[in-house]
Amino acid sequence: MRELLFGYRGIFGNRVVIAHDDGTCAAYAHLKRGSVTVRPGQRVAQGDLIGRLGNTGNTSMPHLHVQLMDHPVIDAAAGIPMRWTNIELEDIDPQWQKHAKAPERSALEGMPRDGQIFRAL
């Protein structure tokens, strides 16, 4: 019911949407309140800090929600399948070990597990 009352703003919480040069967009959601470091229209590069992991919006624990889309307006966008290349998977963060279950059958191969630390190269 919350979705009907608050729309994507209530669900995603603090968020950043980045428009890519190829016309796709990525939404980064649930960012920590007050942590966003970029402004509308600012050009960002790989490796730039855009915000910090948080627990805003409709979520029960801190995490980063990443969504690839065909439009910068979240409620007007269609999702695009996302494939990550050049990621380095590391160990499970000890504080998240209890959440690090095996990936669902529908998960894309090579994606990080819940609680897994990774670096996008």
PDB file of N, CA and C in Angstrom:
ATOM      1  N   MET A   1       0.815  -1.191   0.000  1.00  0.00           N
ATOM      2  CA  MET A   1       0.000   0.000   0.000  1.00  0.00           C
ATOM      3  C   MET A   1       0.860   1.256   0.000  1.00  0.00           C
ATOM      4  N   ARG A   2       1.994   1.206   0.630  1.00  0.00           N
ATOM      5  CA  ARG A   2       2.860   2.384   0.687  1.00  0.00           C
ATOM      6  C   ARG A   2       3.213   2.905  -0.703  1.00  0.00           C
ATOM      7  N   GLU A   3       3.418   1.999  -1.651  1.00  0.00           N
ATOM      8  CA  GLU A   3       3.764   2.390  -3.005  1.00  0.00           C
ATOM      9  C   GLU A   3       2.681   3.290  -3.612  1.00  0.00           C
ATOM     10  N   LEU A   4       1.440   2.976  -3.357  1.00  0.00           N
ATOM     11  CA  LEU A   4       0.348   3.768  -3.905  1.00  0.00           C
ATOM     12  C   LEU A   4       0.296   5.166  -3.281  1.00  0.00           C
ATOM     13  N   LEU A   5       0.698   5.277  -2.031  1.00  0.00           N
ATOM     14  CA  LEU A   5       0.637   6.559  -1.342  1.00  0.00           C
ATOM     15  C   LEU A   5       1.827   7.466  -1.652  1.00  0.00           C
ATOM     16  N   PHE A   6       3.000   6.881  -1.806  1.00  0.00           N
ATOM     17  CA  PHE A   6       4.207   7.694  -1.920  1.00  0.00           C
ATOM     18  C   PHE A   6       4.930   7.585  -3.254  1.00  0.00           C
ATOM     19  N   GLY A   7       4.566   6.663  -4.122  1.00  0.00           N
ATOM     20  CA  GLY A   7       5.224   6.500  -5.402  1.00  0.00           C
ATOM     21  C   GLY A   7       6.689   6.147  -5.244  1.00  0.00           C
ATOM     22  N   TYR A   8       7.452   6.329  -6.315  1.00  0.00           N
ATOM     23  CA  TYR A   8       8.850   5.921  -6.287  1.00  0.00           C
ATOM     24  C   TYR A   8       9.673   6.738  -5.295  1.00  0.00           C
ATOM     25  N   ARG A   9       9.289   7.968  -5.005  1.00  0.00           N
ATOM     26  CA  ARG A   9      10.051   8.776  -4.038  1.00  0.00           C
ATOM     27  C   ARG A   9      10.067   8.124  -2.658  1.00  0.00           C
ATOM     28  N   GLY A  10       8.906   7.596  -2.257  1.00  0.00           N
ATOM     29  CA  GLY A  10       8.825   6.917  -0.973  1.00  0.00           C
ATOM     30  C   GLY A  10       9.511   5.562  -0.982  1.00  0.00           C
ATOM     31  N   ILE A  11       9.536   4.922  -2.127  1.00  0.00           N
ATOM     32  CA  ILE A  11      10.161   3.608  -2.234  1.00  0.00           C
ATOM     33  C   ILE A  11      11.674   3.738  -2.332  1.00  0.00           C
ATOM     34  N   PHE A  12      12.158   4.599  -3.208  1.00  0.00           N
ATOM     35  CA  PHE A  12      13.602   4.720  -3.462  1.00  0.00           C
ATOM     36  C   PHE A  12      14.324   5.553  -2.411  1.00  0.00           C
ATOM     37  N   GLY A  13      13.620   6.411  -1.699  1.00  0.00           N
ATOM     38  CA  GLY A  13      14.284   7.271  -0.723  1.00  0.00           C
ATOM     39  C   GLY A  13      15.253   8.224  -1.406  1.00  0.00           C
ATOM     40  N   ASN A  14      16.348   8.540  -0.731  1.00  0.00           N
ATOM     41  CA  ASN A  14      17.375   9.400  -1.339  1.00  0.00           C
ATOM     42  C   ASN A  14      17.992   8.646  -2.506  1.00  0.00           C
ATOM     43  N   ARG A  15      18.085   9.315  -3.637  1.00  0.00           N
ATOM     44  CA  ARG A  15      18.526   8.633  -4.851  1.00  0.00           C
ATOM     45  C   ARG A  15      19.258   9.583  -5.773  1.00  0.00           C
ATOM     46  N   VAL A  16      20.025   8.985  -6.672  1.00  0.00           N
ATOM     47  CA  VAL A  16      20.695   9.714  -7.737  1.00  0.00           C
ATOM     48  C   VAL A  16      20.379   8.963  -9.022  1.00  0.00           C
ATOM     49  N   VAL A  17      20.020   9.695 -10.068  1.00  0.00           N
ATOM     50  CA  VAL A  17      19.831   9.105 -11.390  1.00  0.00           C
ATOM     51  C   VAL A  17      20.901   9.700 -12.291  1.00  0.00           C
ATOM     52  N   ILE A  18      21.658   8.835 -12.938  1.00  0.00           N
ATOM     53  CA  ILE A  18      22.737   9.269 -13.830  1.00  0.00           C
ATOM     54  C   ILE A  18      22.363   8.902 -15.257  1.00  0.00           C
ATOM     55  N   ALA A  19      22.378   9.903 -16.158  1.00  0.00           N
ATOM     56  CA  ALA A  19      22.140   9.674 -17.582  1.00  0.00           C
ATOM     57  C   ALA A  19      23.483   9.370 -18.233  1.00  0.00           C
ATOM     58  N   HIS A  20      23.553   8.240 -18.912  1.00  0.00           N
ATOM     59  CA  HIS A  20      24.787   7.816 -19.587  1.00  0.00           C
ATOM     60  C   HIS A  20      24.831   8.342 -21.019  1.00  0.00           C
ATOM     61  N   ASP A  21      26.010   8.403 -21.567  1.00  0.00           N
ATOM     62  CA  ASP A  21      26.184   8.900 -22.929  1.00  0.00           C
ATOM     63  C   ASP A  21      25.462   8.045 -23.975  1.00  0.00           C
ATOM     64  N   ASP A  22      25.204   6.757 -23.675  1.00  0.00           N
ATOM     65  CA  ASP A  22      24.535   5.878 -24.642  1.00  0.00           C
ATOM     66  C   ASP A  22      23.012   5.974 -24.579  1.00  0.00           C
ATOM     67  N   GLY A  23      22.473   6.873 -23.744  1.00  0.00           N
ATOM     68  CA  GLY A  23      21.030   7.060 -23.640  1.00  0.00           C
ATOM     69  C   GLY A  23      20.383   6.285 -22.510  1.00  0.00           C
ATOM     70  N   THR A  24      21.104   5.373 -21.897  1.00  0.00           N
ATOM     71  CA  THR A  24      20.559   4.659 -20.743  1.00  0.00           C
ATOM     72  C   THR A  24      20.753   5.508 -19.499  1.00  0.00           C
ATOM     73  N   CYS A  25      20.064   5.137 -18.434  1.00  0.00           N
ATOM     74  CA  CYS A  25      20.171   5.836 -17.155  1.00  0.00           C
ATOM     75  C   CYS A  25      20.285   4.793 -16.051  1.00  0.00           C
ATOM     76  N   ALA A  26      20.933   5.170 -14.969  1.00  0.00           N
ATOM     77  CA  ALA A  26      21.034   4.283 -13.806  1.00  0.00           C
ATOM     78  C   ALA A  26      20.547   5.029 -12.583  1.00  0.00           C
ATOM     79  N   ALA A  27      19.711   4.360 -11.799  1.00  0.00           N
ATOM     80  CA  ALA A  27      19.240   4.919 -10.529  1.00  0.00           C
ATOM     81  C   ALA A  27      19.985   4.212  -9.407  1.00  0.00           C
ATOM     82  N   TYR A  28      20.460   4.991  -8.455  1.00  0.00           N
ATOM     83  CA  TYR A  28      21.132   4.496  -7.257  1.00  0.00           C
ATOM     84  C   TYR A  28      20.273   4.963  -6.089  1.00  0.00           C
ATOM     85  N   ALA A  29      19.661   4.025  -5.375  1.00  0.00           N
ATOM     86  CA  ALA A  29      18.640   4.379  -4.388  1.00  0.00           C
ATOM     87  C   ALA A  29      18.971   3.892  -2.984  1.00  0.00           C
ATOM     88  N   HIS A  30      18.253   4.458  -2.014  1.00  0.00           N
ATOM     89  CA  HIS A  30      18.357   4.188  -0.576  1.00  0.00           C
ATOM     90  C   HIS A  30      19.608   4.814   0.020  1.00  0.00           C
ATOM     91  N   LEU A  31      20.129   5.865  -0.620  1.00  0.00           N
ATOM     92  CA  LEU A  31      21.346   6.510  -0.138  1.00  0.00           C
ATOM     93  C   LEU A  31      21.118   7.187   1.212  1.00  0.00           C
ATOM     94  N   LYS A  32      22.162   7.249   1.989  1.00  0.00           N
ATOM     95  CA  LYS A  32      22.113   7.862   3.314  1.00  0.00           C
ATOM     96  C   LYS A  32      21.673   9.324   3.198  1.00  0.00           C
ATOM     97  N   ARG A  33      20.784   9.724   4.067  1.00  0.00           N
ATOM     98  CA  ARG A  33      20.276  11.090   4.081  1.00  0.00           C
ATOM     99  C   ARG A  33      21.444  12.085   4.226  1.00  0.00           C
ATOM    100  N   GLY A  34      21.498  13.080   3.363  1.00  0.00           N
ATOM    101  CA  GLY A  34      22.534  14.106   3.417  1.00  0.00           C
ATOM    102  C   GLY A  34      23.868  13.699   2.823  1.00  0.00           C
ATOM    103  N   SER A  35      23.957  12.501   2.223  1.00  0.00           N
ATOM    104  CA  SER A  35      25.261  12.030   1.725  1.00  0.00           C
ATOM    105  C   SER A  35      25.491  12.253   0.241  1.00  0.00           C
ATOM    106  N   VAL A  36      24.455  12.636  -0.511  1.00  0.00           N
ATOM    107  CA  VAL A  36      24.611  12.807  -1.958  1.00  0.00           C
ATOM    108  C   VAL A  36      25.593  13.937  -2.229  1.00  0.00           C
ATOM    109  N   THR A  37      26.576  13.667  -3.080  1.00  0.00           N
ATOM    110  CA  THR A  37      27.654  14.633  -3.352  1.00  0.00           C
ATOM    111  C   THR A  37      27.565  15.270  -4.727  1.00  0.00           C
ATOM    112  N   VAL A  38      26.589  14.866  -5.543  1.00  0.00           N
ATOM    113  CA  VAL A  38      26.458  15.406  -6.898  1.00  0.00           C
ATOM    114  C   VAL A  38      25.191  16.242  -7.000  1.00  0.00           C
ATOM    115  N   ARG A  39      25.130  17.078  -8.007  1.00  0.00           N
ATOM    116  CA  ARG A  39      23.998  17.975  -8.225  1.00  0.00           C
ATOM    117  C   ARG A  39      23.408  17.751  -9.613  1.00  0.00           C
ATOM    118  N   PRO A  40      22.138  18.078  -9.823  1.00  0.00           N
ATOM    119  CA  PRO A  40      21.531  17.912 -11.148  1.00  0.00           C
ATOM    120  C   PRO A  40      22.356  18.605 -12.233  1.00  0.00           C
ATOM    121  N   GLY A  41      22.580  17.876 -13.327  1.00  0.00           N
ATOM    122  CA  GLY A  41      23.331  18.416 -14.461  1.00  0.00           C
ATOM    123  C   GLY A  41      24.834  18.239 -14.358  1.00  0.00           C
ATOM    124  N   GLN A  42      25.318  17.854 -13.200  1.00  0.00           N
ATOM    125  CA  GLN A  42      26.766  17.666 -13.025  1.00  0.00           C
ATOM    126  C   GLN A  42      27.222  16.434 -13.795  1.00  0.00           C
ATOM    127  N   ARG A  43      28.339  16.539 -14.485  1.00  0.00           N
ATOM    128  CA  ARG A  43      28.925  15.391 -15.176  1.00  0.00           C
ATOM    129  C   ARG A  43      29.758  14.599 -14.166  1.00  0.00           C
ATOM    130  N   VAL A  44      29.573  13.289 -14.144  1.00  0.00           N
ATOM    131  CA  VAL A  44      30.339  12.431 -13.235  1.00  0.00           C
ATOM    132  C   VAL A  44      31.156  11.449 -14.061  1.00  0.00           C
ATOM    133  N   ALA A  45      32.218  10.974 -13.459  1.00  0.00           N
ATOM    134  CA  ALA A  45      33.098  10.002 -14.111  1.00  0.00           C
ATOM    135  C   ALA A  45      33.175   8.749 -13.255  1.00  0.00           C
ATOM    136  N   GLN A  46      33.581   7.676 -13.872  1.00  0.00           N
ATOM    137  CA  GLN A  46      33.760   6.419 -13.144  1.00  0.00           C
ATOM    138  C   GLN A  46      34.668   6.665 -11.949  1.00  0.00           C
ATOM    139  N   GLY A  47      34.248   6.173 -10.798  1.00  0.00           N
ATOM    140  CA  GLY A  47      35.034   6.321  -9.580  1.00  0.00           C
ATOM    141  C   GLY A  47      34.641   7.505  -8.720  1.00  0.00           C
ATOM    142  N   ASP A  48      33.836   8.438  -9.262  1.00  0.00           N
ATOM    143  CA  ASP A  48      33.389   9.586  -8.469  1.00  0.00           C
ATOM    144  C   ASP A  48      32.417   9.116  -7.384  1.00  0.00           C
ATOM    145  N   LEU A  49      32.534   9.685  -6.212  1.00  0.00           N
ATOM    146  CA  LEU A  49      31.599   9.406  -5.130  1.00  0.00           C
ATOM    147  C   LEU A  49      30.301  10.156  -5.427  1.00  0.00           C
ATOM    148  N   ILE A  50      29.173   9.435  -5.438  1.00  0.00           N
ATOM    149  CA  ILE A  50      27.881  10.086  -5.679  1.00  0.00           C
ATOM    150  C   ILE A  50      27.038  10.137  -4.416  1.00  0.00           C
ATOM    151  N   GLY A  51      27.335   9.296  -3.447  1.00  0.00           N
ATOM    152  CA  GLY A  51      26.601   9.250  -2.188  1.00  0.00           C
ATOM    153  C   GLY A  51      27.052   8.049  -1.386  1.00  0.00           C
ATOM    154  N   ARG A  52      26.469   7.901  -0.218  1.00  0.00           N
ATOM    155  CA  ARG A  52      26.849   6.799   0.674  1.00  0.00           C
ATOM    156  C   ARG A  52      25.657   5.871   0.911  1.00  0.00           C
ATOM    157  N   LEU A  53      25.958   4.610   1.081  1.00  0.00           N
ATOM    158  CA  LEU A  53      24.964   3.575   1.326  1.00  0.00           C
ATOM    159  C   LEU A  53      24.097   3.965   2.513  1.00  0.00           C
ATOM    160  N   GLY A  54      22.802   3.752   2.388  1.00  0.00           N
ATOM    161  CA  GLY A  54      21.905   4.138   3.465  1.00  0.00           C
ATOM    162  C   GLY A  54      20.721   3.224   3.627  1.00  0.00           C
ATOM    163  N   ASN A  55      19.704   3.761   4.287  1.00  0.00           N
ATOM    164  CA  ASN A  55      18.509   2.996   4.610  1.00  0.00           C
ATOM    165  C   ASN A  55      17.284   3.898   4.466  1.00  0.00           C
ATOM    166  N   THR A  56      17.227   4.693   3.397  1.00  0.00           N
ATOM    167  CA  THR A  56      16.092   5.587   3.183  1.00  0.00           C
ATOM    168  C   THR A  56      15.100   4.950   2.219  1.00  0.00           C
ATOM    169  N   GLY A  57      13.866   5.393   2.283  1.00  0.00           N
ATOM    170  CA  GLY A  57      12.823   4.839   1.425  1.00  0.00           C
ATOM    171  C   GLY A  57      12.251   3.576   2.023  1.00  0.00           C
ATOM    172  N   ASN A  58      11.681   2.746   1.187  1.00  0.00           N
ATOM    173  CA  ASN A  58      11.030   1.521   1.639  1.00  0.00           C
ATOM    174  C   ASN A  58      12.052   0.389   1.685  1.00  0.00           C
ATOM    175  N   THR A  59      12.758   0.290   2.783  1.00  0.00           N
ATOM    176  CA  THR A  59      13.777  -0.738   2.966  1.00  0.00           C
ATOM    177  C   THR A  59      13.898  -1.065   4.445  1.00  0.00           C
ATOM    178  N   SER A  60      14.283  -2.281   4.747  1.00  0.00           N
ATOM    179  CA  SER A  60      14.402  -2.690   6.142  1.00  0.00           C
ATOM    180  C   SER A  60      15.848  -2.737   6.626  1.00  0.00           C
ATOM    181  N   MET A  61      16.801  -2.579   5.707  1.00  0.00           N
ATOM    182  CA  MET A  61      18.203  -2.578   6.102  1.00  0.00           C
ATOM    183  C   MET A  61      19.009  -1.782   5.090  1.00  0.00           C
ATOM    184  N   PRO A  62      20.158  -1.252   5.490  1.00  0.00           N
ATOM    185  CA  PRO A  62      20.985  -0.492   4.559  1.00  0.00           C
ATOM    186  C   PRO A  62      21.415  -1.352   3.365  1.00  0.00           C
ATOM    187  N   HIS A  63      21.260  -0.809   2.184  1.00  0.00           N
ATOM    188  CA  HIS A  63      21.743  -1.458   0.967  1.00  0.00           C
ATOM    189  C   HIS A  63      21.696  -0.454  -0.175  1.00  0.00           C
ATOM    190  N   LEU A  64      22.322  -0.798  -1.275  1.00  0.00           N
ATOM    191  CA  LEU A  64      22.275   0.025  -2.471  1.00  0.00           C
ATOM    192  C   LEU A  64      21.426  -0.681  -3.509  1.00  0.00           C
ATOM    193  N   HIS A  65      20.418   0.013  -4.002  1.00  0.00           N
ATOM    194  CA  HIS A  65      19.580  -0.492  -5.083  1.00  0.00           C
ATOM    195  C   HIS A  65      20.076   0.186  -6.357  1.00  0.00           C
ATOM    196  N   VAL A  66      20.468  -0.600  -7.346  1.00  0.00           N
ATOM    197  CA  VAL A  66      20.925  -0.076  -8.634  1.00  0.00           C
ATOM    198  C   VAL A  66      19.959  -0.583  -9.690  1.00  0.00           C
ATOM    199  N   GLN A  67      19.497   0.323 -10.526  1.00  0.00           N
ATOM    200  CA  GLN A  67      18.513  -0.033 -11.545  1.00  0.00           C
ATOM    201  C   GLN A  67      18.884   0.648 -12.846  1.00  0.00           C
ATOM    202  N   LEU A  68      19.038  -0.114 -13.922  1.00  0.00           N
ATOM    203  CA  LEU A  68      19.329   0.437 -15.243  1.00  0.00           C
ATOM    204  C   LEU A  68      18.002   0.649 -15.962  1.00  0.00           C
ATOM    205  N   MET A  69      17.854   1.826 -16.615  1.00  0.00           N
ATOM    206  CA  MET A  69      16.561   2.209 -17.192  1.00  0.00           C
ATOM    207  C   MET A  69      16.746   2.873 -18.556  1.00  0.00           C
ATOM    208  N   ASP A  70      15.645   3.020 -19.274  1.00  0.00           N
ATOM    209  CA  ASP A  70      15.684   3.671 -20.586  1.00  0.00           C
ATOM    210  C   ASP A  70      15.277   5.147 -20.545  1.00  0.00           C
ATOM    211  N   HIS A  71      15.046   5.691 -19.353  1.00  0.00           N
ATOM    212  CA  HIS A  71      14.576   7.074 -19.223  1.00  0.00           C
ATOM    213  C   HIS A  71      15.000   7.593 -17.850  1.00  0.00           C
ATOM    214  N   PRO A  72      15.324   8.874 -17.719  1.00  0.00           N
ATOM    215  CA  PRO A  72      15.767   9.381 -16.424  1.00  0.00           C
ATOM    216  C   PRO A  72      14.655   9.573 -15.389  1.00  0.00           C
ATOM    217  N   VAL A  73      13.398   9.617 -15.820  1.00  0.00           N
ATOM    218  CA  VAL A  73      12.285   9.758 -14.878  1.00  0.00           C
ATOM    219  C   VAL A  73      11.847   8.350 -14.479  1.00  0.00           C
ATOM    220  N   ILE A  74      12.049   8.010 -13.215  1.00  0.00           N
ATOM    221  CA  ILE A  74      11.862   6.638 -12.758  1.00  0.00           C
ATOM    222  C   ILE A  74      10.478   6.091 -13.071  1.00  0.00           C
ATOM    223  N   ASP A  75       9.425   6.862 -12.820  1.00  0.00           N
ATOM    224  CA  ASP A  75       8.086   6.315 -13.048  1.00  0.00           C
ATOM    225  C   ASP A  75       7.667   6.338 -14.518  1.00  0.00           C
ATOM    226  N   ALA A  76       8.522   6.826 -15.414  1.00  0.00           N
ATOM    227  CA  ALA A  76       8.257   6.783 -16.856  1.00  0.00           C
ATOM    228  C   ALA A  76       9.217   5.824 -17.560  1.00  0.00           C
ATOM    229  N   ALA A  77      10.087   5.170 -16.805  1.00  0.00           N
ATOM    230  CA  ALA A  77      11.154   4.353 -17.389  1.00  0.00           C
ATOM    231  C   ALA A  77      10.804   2.875 -17.407  1.00  0.00           C
ATOM    232  N   ALA A  78      11.409   2.188 -18.367  1.00  0.00           N
ATOM    233  CA  ALA A  78      11.369   0.723 -18.407  1.00  0.00           C
ATOM    234  C   ALA A  78      12.738   0.220 -17.975  1.00  0.00           C
ATOM    235  N   GLY A  79      12.741  -0.874 -17.255  1.00  0.00           N
ATOM    236  CA  GLY A  79      14.004  -1.461 -16.822  1.00  0.00           C
ATOM    237  C   GLY A  79      14.759  -2.081 -17.983  1.00  0.00           C
ATOM    238  N   ILE A  80      16.062  -2.072 -17.884  1.00  0.00           N
ATOM    239  CA  ILE A  80      16.940  -2.683 -18.882  1.00  0.00           C
ATOM    240  C   ILE A  80      17.784  -3.722 -18.157  1.00  0.00           C
ATOM    241  N   PRO A  81      17.889  -4.950 -18.713  1.00  0.00           N
ATOM    242  CA  PRO A  81      18.748  -5.948 -18.060  1.00  0.00           C
ATOM    243  C   PRO A  81      20.171  -5.413 -17.902  1.00  0.00           C
ATOM    244  N   MET A  82      20.754  -5.687 -16.770  1.00  0.00           N
ATOM    245  CA  MET A  82      22.075  -5.147 -16.458  1.00  0.00           C
ATOM    246  C   MET A  82      23.080  -6.291 -16.366  1.00  0.00           C
ATOM    247  N   ARG A  83      24.176  -6.135 -17.041  1.00  0.00           N
ATOM    248  CA  ARG A  83      25.281  -7.088 -16.954  1.00  0.00           C
ATOM    249  C   ARG A  83      26.517  -6.308 -16.547  1.00  0.00           C
ATOM    250  N   TRP A  84      27.114  -6.716 -15.466  1.00  0.00           N
ATOM    251  CA  TRP A  84      28.317  -6.050 -14.977  1.00  0.00           C
ATOM    252  C   TRP A  84      29.524  -6.786 -15.510  1.00  0.00           C
ATOM    253  N   THR A  85      30.475  -6.039 -16.008  1.00  0.00           N
ATOM    254  CA  THR A  85      31.757  -6.609 -16.415  1.00  0.00           C
ATOM    255  C   THR A  85      32.833  -5.924 -15.587  1.00  0.00           C
ATOM    256  N   ASN A  86      33.950  -6.556 -15.507  1.00  0.00           N
ATOM    257  CA  ASN A  86      35.085  -5.991 -14.771  1.00  0.00           C
ATOM    258  C   ASN A  86      34.747  -5.677 -13.320  1.00  0.00           C
ATOM    259  N   ILE A  87      34.096  -6.627 -12.635  1.00  0.00           N
ATOM    260  CA  ILE A  87      33.919  -6.457 -11.201  1.00  0.00           C
ATOM    261  C   ILE A  87      34.791  -7.477 -10.483  1.00  0.00           C
ATOM    262  N   GLU A  88      35.299  -7.056  -9.384  1.00  0.00           N
ATOM    263  CA  GLU A  88      36.156  -7.900  -8.560  1.00  0.00           C
ATOM    264  C   GLU A  88      35.376  -8.268  -7.311  1.00  0.00           C
ATOM    265  N   LEU A  89      35.032  -9.548  -7.189  1.00  0.00           N
ATOM    266  CA  LEU A  89      34.266 -10.009  -6.041  1.00  0.00           C
ATOM    267  C   LEU A  89      35.213 -10.322  -4.890  1.00  0.00           C
ATOM    268  N   GLU A  90      34.878  -9.834  -3.721  1.00  0.00           N
ATOM    269  CA  GLU A  90      35.676 -10.070  -2.530  1.00  0.00           C
ATOM    270  C   GLU A  90      34.863 -10.908  -1.554  1.00  0.00           C
ATOM    271  N   ASP A  91      35.277 -10.966  -0.316  1.00  0.00           N
ATOM    272  CA  ASP A  91      34.611 -11.769   0.702  1.00  0.00           C
ATOM    273  C   ASP A  91      33.271 -11.154   1.109  1.00  0.00           C
ATOM    274  N   ILE A  92      32.509 -11.942   1.847  1.00  0.00           N
ATOM    275  CA  ILE A  92      31.271 -11.462   2.446  1.00  0.00           C
ATOM    276  C   ILE A  92      31.652 -10.589   3.641  1.00  0.00           C
ATOM    277  N   ASP A  93      31.039  -9.423   3.739  1.00  0.00           N
ATOM    278  CA  ASP A  93      31.250  -8.559   4.891  1.00  0.00           C
ATOM    279  C   ASP A  93      30.743  -9.309   6.123  1.00  0.00           C
ATOM    280  N   PRO A  94      31.589  -9.470   7.156  1.00  0.00           N
ATOM    281  CA  PRO A  94      31.181 -10.258   8.336  1.00  0.00           C
ATOM    282  C   PRO A  94      29.855  -9.811   8.953  1.00  0.00           C
ATOM    283  N   GLN A  95      29.563  -8.512   8.957  1.00  0.00           N
ATOM    284  CA  GLN A  95      28.307  -8.065   9.566  1.00  0.00           C
ATOM    285  C   GLN A  95      27.084  -8.465   8.749  1.00  0.00           C
ATOM    286  N   TRP A  96      27.277  -8.857   7.503  1.00  0.00           N
ATOM    287  CA  TRP A  96      26.160  -9.258   6.644  1.00  0.00           C
ATOM    288  C   TRP A  96      26.154 -10.753   6.364  1.00  0.00           C
ATOM    289  N   GLN A  97      27.030 -11.522   7.023  1.00  0.00           N
ATOM    290  CA  GLN A  97      27.158 -12.960   6.773  1.00  0.00           C
ATOM    291  C   GLN A  97      25.812 -13.689   6.862  1.00  0.00           C
ATOM    292  N   LYS A  98      24.983 -13.319   7.831  1.00  0.00           N
ATOM    293  CA  LYS A  98      23.701 -14.019   7.992  1.00  0.00           C
ATOM    294  C   LYS A  98      22.744 -13.778   6.820  1.00  0.00           C
ATOM    295  N   HIS A  99      22.984 -12.750   6.018  1.00  0.00           N
ATOM    296  CA  HIS A  99      22.123 -12.444   4.873  1.00  0.00           C
ATOM    297  C   HIS A  99      22.695 -12.983   3.564  1.00  0.00           C
ATOM    298  N   ALA A 100      23.864 -13.588   3.597  1.00  0.00           N
ATOM    299  CA  ALA A 100      24.583 -13.989   2.384  1.00  0.00           C
ATOM    300  C   ALA A 100      24.133 -15.356   1.890  1.00  0.00           C
ATOM    301  N   LYS A 101      22.879 -15.467   1.574  1.00  0.00           N
ATOM    302  CA  LYS A 101      22.351 -16.728   1.057  1.00  0.00           C
ATOM    303  C   LYS A 101      22.791 -16.923  -0.397  1.00  0.00           C
ATOM    304  N   ALA A 102      22.626 -18.125  -0.876  1.00  0.00           N
ATOM    305  CA  ALA A 102      22.959 -18.414  -2.275  1.00  0.00           C
ATOM    306  C   ALA A 102      22.060 -17.585  -3.192  1.00  0.00           C
ATOM    307  N   PRO A 103      22.571 -17.164  -4.347  1.00  0.00           N
ATOM    308  CA  PRO A 103      21.752 -16.368  -5.273  1.00  0.00           C
ATOM    309  C   PRO A 103      20.528 -17.148  -5.765  1.00  0.00           C
ATOM    310  N   GLU A 104      19.468 -16.425  -6.069  1.00  0.00           N
ATOM    311  CA  GLU A 104      18.273 -17.041  -6.656  1.00  0.00           C
ATOM    312  C   GLU A 104      18.627 -17.595  -8.038  1.00  0.00           C
ATOM    313  N   ARG A 105      17.859 -18.545  -8.506  1.00  0.00           N
ATOM    314  CA  ARG A 105      18.117 -19.125  -9.835  1.00  0.00           C
ATOM    315  C   ARG A 105      18.038 -18.076 -10.936  1.00  0.00           C
ATOM    316  N   SER A 106      17.241 -17.041 -10.718  1.00  0.00           N
ATOM    317  CA  SER A 106      17.068 -16.005 -11.735  1.00  0.00           C
ATOM    318  C   SER A 106      18.196 -14.967 -11.723  1.00  0.00           C
ATOM    319  N   ALA A 107      19.082 -15.036 -10.743  1.00  0.00           N
ATOM    320  CA  ALA A 107      20.173 -14.049 -10.644  1.00  0.00           C
ATOM    321  C   ALA A 107      21.149 -14.228 -11.809  1.00  0.00           C
ATOM    322  N   LEU A 108      21.651 -13.108 -12.289  1.00  0.00           N
ATOM    323  CA  LEU A 108      22.641 -13.163 -13.360  1.00  0.00           C
ATOM    324  C   LEU A 108      23.965 -13.665 -12.814  1.00  0.00           C
ATOM    325  N   GLU A 109      24.620 -14.502 -13.576  1.00  0.00           N
ATOM    326  CA  GLU A 109      25.911 -15.049 -13.174  1.00  0.00           C
ATOM    327  C   GLU A 109      26.928 -13.922 -12.986  1.00  0.00           C
ATOM    328  N   GLY A 110      27.704 -14.018 -11.924  1.00  0.00           N
ATOM    329  CA  GLY A 110      28.748 -13.041 -11.671  1.00  0.00           C
ATOM    330  C   GLY A 110      28.318 -11.851 -10.846  1.00  0.00           C
ATOM    331  N   MET A 111      27.004 -11.742 -10.540  1.00  0.00           N
ATOM    332  CA  MET A 111      26.547 -10.630  -9.710  1.00  0.00           C
ATOM    333  C   MET A 111      26.919 -10.904  -8.259  1.00  0.00           C
ATOM    334  N   PRO A 112      27.213  -9.859  -7.490  1.00  0.00           N
ATOM    335  CA  PRO A 112      27.549 -10.053  -6.071  1.00  0.00           C
ATOM    336  C   PRO A 112      26.373 -10.644  -5.296  1.00  0.00           C
ATOM    337  N   ARG A 113      26.685 -11.428  -4.270  1.00  0.00           N
ATOM    338  CA  ARG A 113      25.672 -11.965  -3.363  1.00  0.00           C
ATOM    339  C   ARG A 113      25.328 -10.912  -2.326  1.00  0.00           C
ATOM    340  N   ASP A 114      24.223 -11.121  -1.617  1.00  0.00           N
ATOM    341  CA  ASP A 114      23.884 -10.238  -0.502  1.00  0.00           C
ATOM    342  C   ASP A 114      25.050 -10.217   0.468  1.00  0.00           C
ATOM    343  N   GLY A 115      25.494  -9.029   0.829  1.00  0.00           N
ATOM    344  CA  GLY A 115      26.567  -8.877   1.795  1.00  0.00           C
ATOM    345  C   GLY A 115      27.964  -8.991   1.210  1.00  0.00           C
ATOM    346  N   GLN A 116      28.072  -9.273  -0.077  1.00  0.00           N
ATOM    347  CA  GLN A 116      29.393  -9.447  -0.678  1.00  0.00           C
ATOM    348  C   GLN A 116      29.999  -8.109  -1.056  1.00  0.00           C
ATOM    349  N   ILE A 117      31.232  -7.943  -0.726  1.00  0.00           N
ATOM    350  CA  ILE A 117      31.974  -6.734  -1.081  1.00  0.00           C
ATOM    351  C   ILE A 117      32.481  -6.900  -2.510  1.00  0.00           C
ATOM    352  N   PHE A 118      32.328  -5.844  -3.305  1.00  0.00           N
ATOM    353  CA  PHE A 118      32.850  -5.912  -4.667  1.00  0.00           C
ATOM    354  C   PHE A 118      33.338  -4.544  -5.097  1.00  0.00           C
ATOM    355  N   ARG A 119      34.167  -4.554  -6.098  1.00  0.00           N
ATOM    356  CA  ARG A 119      34.672  -3.321  -6.693  1.00  0.00           C
ATOM    357  C   ARG A 119      34.366  -3.348  -8.181  1.00  0.00           C
ATOM    358  N   ALA A 120      33.799  -2.272  -8.686  1.00  0.00           N
ATOM    359  CA  ALA A 120      33.584  -2.122 -10.114  1.00  0.00           C
ATOM    360  C   ALA A 120      34.819  -1.454 -10.685  1.00  0.00           C
ATOM    361  N   LEU A 121      35.506  -2.149 -11.563  1.00  0.00           N
ATOM    362  CA  LEU A 121      36.781  -1.644 -12.102  1.00  0.00           C
ATOM    363  C   LEU A 121      36.582  -0.796 -13.335  1.00  0.00           C
TER     364      LEU A 121
END
